[in-house]
Amino acid sequence: MVDISTDDATVLVVDDERDVADLYAFRLEEHYTVRTAYGGQEALDAFDGDVDVILLDRRMPGLTGDEVLQRVREADSDARVVMVTAIDPDVDIVDMDFDDYLCKPIGKETLLEAVEHQLTAREYGETVQELFRATSKVGVLEAEKSTEELEESAEYQDLTQRIEELRADQSDLIEQLDDFEAAFNAIDRAPKEPM
């Protein structure tokens, strides 16, 4: 069972499928203050400085999750954004400014762990947060793409090189965080759980 933080974090759940959004909200509201939005514009309307983590569906009619992500980042918010989607990731995710990427369906434990990891990650400096983001993207790509595809991807190669640079910059702290990072990567590589 995941160890849930006791801080009063606010999570914004965004999905145009009401049943999915409501299910995620139900799973989280025992531990966090939860806001629910059923579309991109509704998400922006519900978003403010009190939101700590956003669980954001990528494919929505009207304002897409990618567009919501861009506007949240333009707002200069420190909210952590987890893309939660049925879209198979491609190398285009390398340039996206999200903090984690989960592929549907997502079970309760994975959902709770993803939120908790984001709340933990925000406690560290920007370099470590960038390392967590990059490691998450590599984990997603490695789970979804063949070795040959990854070897041919300049974006993937650049990202792995960046991870090595970040690790070198933060080697002492990274040694302390090895267990956390292993757990963080395990979420991305875990078998998909039934909803």
Protein backbone atom coordinates (compact mmCIF):
# COMPACT_ATOMS: atom_id res chain seq x y z
CA MET A 1 0.00 0.00 0.00
CA VAL A 2 1.30 3.45 -0.88
CA ASP A 3 2.17 5.80 1.96
CA ILE A 4 -0.05 8.82 1.39
CA SER A 5 1.24 12.22 2.36
CA THR A 6 -0.72 14.05 5.01
CA ASP A 7 -0.25 17.49 3.52
CA ASP A 8 -3.38 19.15 2.20
CA ALA A 9 -2.58 18.82 -1.48
CA THR A 10 -5.08 19.71 -4.16
CA VAL A 11 -5.38 17.49 -7.24
CA LEU A 12 -7.16 18.57 -10.42
CA VAL A 13 -8.51 15.60 -12.40
CA VAL A 14 -9.18 16.40 -16.07
CA ASP A 15 -10.84 13.92 -18.44
CA ASP A 16 -13.61 14.38 -20.98
CA GLU A 17 -14.93 10.92 -20.09
CA ARG A 18 -16.97 11.76 -17.00
CA ASP A 19 -16.96 8.21 -15.65
CA VAL A 20 -13.15 8.07 -15.79
CA ALA A 21 -12.70 11.50 -14.19
CA ASP A 22 -15.21 10.68 -11.46
CA LEU A 23 -13.54 7.32 -10.76
CA TYR A 24 -10.10 8.93 -10.40
CA ALA A 25 -11.57 11.65 -8.18
CA PHE A 26 -13.27 9.02 -6.01
CA ARG A 27 -9.98 7.15 -5.60
CA LEU A 28 -8.11 10.30 -4.60
CA GLU A 29 -10.57 12.25 -2.45
CA GLU A 30 -9.92 10.19 0.67
CA HIS A 31 -6.35 11.57 0.64
CA TYR A 32 -6.48 14.92 -1.16
CA THR A 33 -8.70 17.84 -2.00
CA VAL A 34 -9.91 16.97 -5.50
CA ARG A 35 -11.32 19.15 -8.26
CA THR A 36 -12.79 17.59 -11.38
CA ALA A 37 -13.01 19.05 -14.89
CA TYR A 38 -14.56 17.37 -17.93
CA GLY A 39 -12.79 19.32 -20.65
CA GLY A 40 -9.87 21.58 -21.43
CA GLN A 41 -11.53 24.94 -20.86
CA GLU A 42 -13.20 23.69 -17.70
CA ALA A 43 -9.75 22.58 -16.51
CA LEU A 44 -8.31 26.05 -17.05
CA ASP A 45 -11.28 27.56 -15.22
CA ALA A 46 -10.71 25.19 -12.25
CA PHE A 47 -6.95 25.73 -12.22
CA ASP A 48 -5.37 28.22 -9.82
CA GLY A 49 -2.37 28.55 -7.54
CA ASP A 50 -3.84 26.10 -5.02
CA VAL A 51 -3.57 23.15 -7.44
CA ASP A 52 -0.54 20.97 -6.66
CA VAL A 53 -0.98 18.12 -9.15
CA ILE A 54 -2.97 17.90 -12.39
CA LEU A 55 -3.98 14.54 -13.83
CA LEU A 56 -4.55 15.56 -17.44
CA ASP A 57 -6.14 13.56 -20.24
CA ARG A 58 -4.25 14.20 -23.46
CA ARG A 59 -6.98 13.62 -26.03
CA MET A 60 -10.05 15.78 -25.47
CA PRO A 61 -12.34 17.58 -27.91
CA GLY A 62 -11.94 21.33 -28.11
CA LEU A 63 -8.98 22.31 -25.98
CA THR A 64 -6.64 19.29 -25.91
CA GLY A 65 -4.55 18.14 -22.99
CA ASP A 66 -1.42 19.29 -24.84
CA GLU A 67 -2.90 22.81 -25.09
CA VAL A 68 -3.96 22.81 -21.43
CA LEU A 69 -0.45 21.74 -20.46
CA GLN A 70 1.04 24.59 -22.48
CA ARG A 71 -1.26 27.17 -20.85
CA VAL A 72 -0.54 25.84 -17.36
CA ARG A 73 3.19 26.21 -18.02
CA GLU A 74 2.68 29.71 -19.45
CA ALA A 75 0.95 30.61 -16.17
CA ASP A 76 4.33 30.02 -14.48
CA SER A 77 2.75 27.60 -12.05
CA ASP A 78 4.73 25.04 -10.11
CA ALA A 79 1.87 22.54 -10.36
CA ARG A 80 3.01 19.05 -11.30
CA VAL A 81 1.33 17.68 -14.43
CA VAL A 82 0.77 13.97 -15.09
CA MET A 83 -0.52 13.17 -18.56
CA VAL A 84 -3.06 10.35 -18.18
CA THR A 85 -3.97 9.03 -21.56
CA ALA A 86 -4.78 6.16 -23.89
CA ILE A 87 -2.53 7.67 -26.58
CA ASP A 88 0.54 5.52 -27.11
CA PRO A 89 3.52 7.77 -26.52
CA ASP A 90 5.92 8.63 -29.32
CA VAL A 91 9.14 10.62 -29.36
CA ASP A 92 7.02 13.80 -29.51
CA ILE A 93 6.70 13.53 -25.71
CA VAL A 94 10.40 14.41 -25.32
CA ASP A 95 9.63 18.09 -25.92
CA MET A 96 6.46 18.18 -23.82
CA ASP A 97 6.73 19.87 -20.42
CA PHE A 98 4.86 17.33 -18.28
CA ASP A 99 6.19 15.64 -15.15
CA ASP A 100 4.94 12.09 -15.74
CA TYR A 101 3.00 10.12 -18.35
CA LEU A 102 0.64 7.28 -17.48
CA CYS A 103 -1.10 5.07 -20.03
CA LYS A 104 -4.70 4.06 -19.40
CA PRO A 105 -6.14 2.00 -17.86
CA ILE A 106 -4.72 3.04 -14.50
CA GLY A 107 -5.38 1.14 -11.29
CA LYS A 108 -5.94 2.73 -7.90
CA GLU A 109 -2.45 2.06 -6.49
CA THR A 110 -0.71 3.42 -9.59
CA LEU A 111 -2.86 6.55 -9.47
CA LEU A 112 -2.15 7.18 -5.78
CA GLU A 113 1.57 6.49 -6.21
CA ALA A 114 1.80 8.83 -9.20
CA VAL A 115 0.29 11.71 -7.21
CA GLU A 116 2.44 10.99 -4.17
CA HIS A 117 5.60 10.88 -6.30
CA GLN A 118 4.78 14.27 -7.78
CA LEU A 119 4.22 15.74 -4.34
CA THR A 120 7.57 14.32 -3.23
CA ALA A 121 9.40 15.48 -6.38
CA ARG A 122 8.30 19.09 -5.90
CA GLU A 123 10.29 19.18 -2.67
CA TYR A 124 13.57 18.89 -4.60
CA GLY A 125 15.43 21.45 -6.70
CA GLU A 126 14.79 22.06 -10.38
CA THR A 127 17.72 19.89 -11.52
CA VAL A 128 16.35 16.86 -9.71
CA GLN A 129 12.84 17.61 -10.96
CA GLU A 130 14.20 17.75 -14.52
CA LEU A 131 15.89 14.40 -13.91
CA PHE A 132 12.60 12.90 -12.73
CA ARG A 133 10.80 14.25 -15.83
CA ALA A 134 13.47 12.94 -18.19
CA THR A 135 13.60 9.56 -16.47
CA SER A 136 9.83 9.29 -16.71
CA LYS A 137 9.91 9.99 -20.45
CA VAL A 138 12.68 7.45 -21.03
CA GLY A 139 10.72 4.86 -19.04
CA VAL A 140 7.57 5.44 -21.08
CA LEU A 141 9.44 5.29 -24.39
CA GLU A 142 11.33 2.14 -23.39
CA ALA A 143 8.06 0.46 -22.40
CA GLU A 144 6.32 1.37 -25.67
CA LYS A 145 9.05 1.34 -28.35
CA SER A 146 11.35 -1.36 -29.68
CA THR A 147 15.11 -1.23 -29.10
CA GLU A 148 15.59 -0.56 -32.81
CA GLU A 149 13.18 2.38 -32.76
CA LEU A 150 14.96 3.86 -29.76
CA GLU A 151 18.39 3.42 -31.31
CA GLU A 152 17.19 5.34 -34.38
CA SER A 153 15.60 8.17 -32.38
CA ALA A 154 17.79 11.25 -32.00
CA GLU A 155 15.31 12.61 -29.45
CA TYR A 156 15.66 9.51 -27.28
CA GLN A 157 19.47 9.58 -27.55
CA ASP A 158 19.53 13.28 -26.59
CA LEU A 159 17.27 12.58 -23.62
CA THR A 160 19.42 9.73 -22.31
CA GLN A 161 22.50 11.95 -22.70
CA ARG A 162 20.74 14.69 -20.71
CA ILE A 163 19.95 12.19 -17.95
CA GLU A 164 23.65 11.28 -17.71
CA GLU A 165 24.55 14.98 -17.44
CA LEU A 166 21.93 15.58 -14.75
CA ARG A 167 23.09 12.53 -12.80
CA ALA A 168 26.67 13.78 -12.89
CA ASP A 169 25.57 17.21 -11.63
CA GLN A 170 23.61 15.71 -8.75
CA SER A 171 25.59 12.53 -8.00
CA ASP A 172 25.57 12.88 -4.19
CA LEU A 173 21.85 13.60 -3.99
CA ILE A 174 21.03 10.94 -6.59
CA GLU A 175 22.68 8.28 -4.44
CA GLN A 176 20.24 9.19 -1.68
CA LEU A 177 17.31 9.10 -4.11
CA ASP A 178 18.04 5.78 -5.83
CA ASP A 179 15.21 3.99 -4.05
CA PHE A 180 12.75 6.76 -4.87
CA GLU A 181 13.78 6.81 -8.54
CA ALA A 182 13.48 3.02 -8.81
CA ALA A 183 9.94 3.20 -7.45
CA PHE A 184 9.16 6.11 -9.78
CA ASN A 185 10.32 4.10 -12.82
CA ALA A 186 8.42 1.03 -11.67
CA ILE A 187 5.14 2.90 -12.13
CA ASP A 188 5.86 3.53 -15.80
CA ARG A 189 6.91 -0.04 -16.44
CA ALA A 190 4.28 -1.76 -14.33
CA PRO A 191 1.71 -3.90 -16.14
CA LYS A 192 -1.47 -2.00 -16.77
CA GLU A 193 -3.95 -2.61 -14.00
CA PRO A 194 -7.68 -3.07 -14.48
CA MET A 195 -9.73 0.01 -13.69
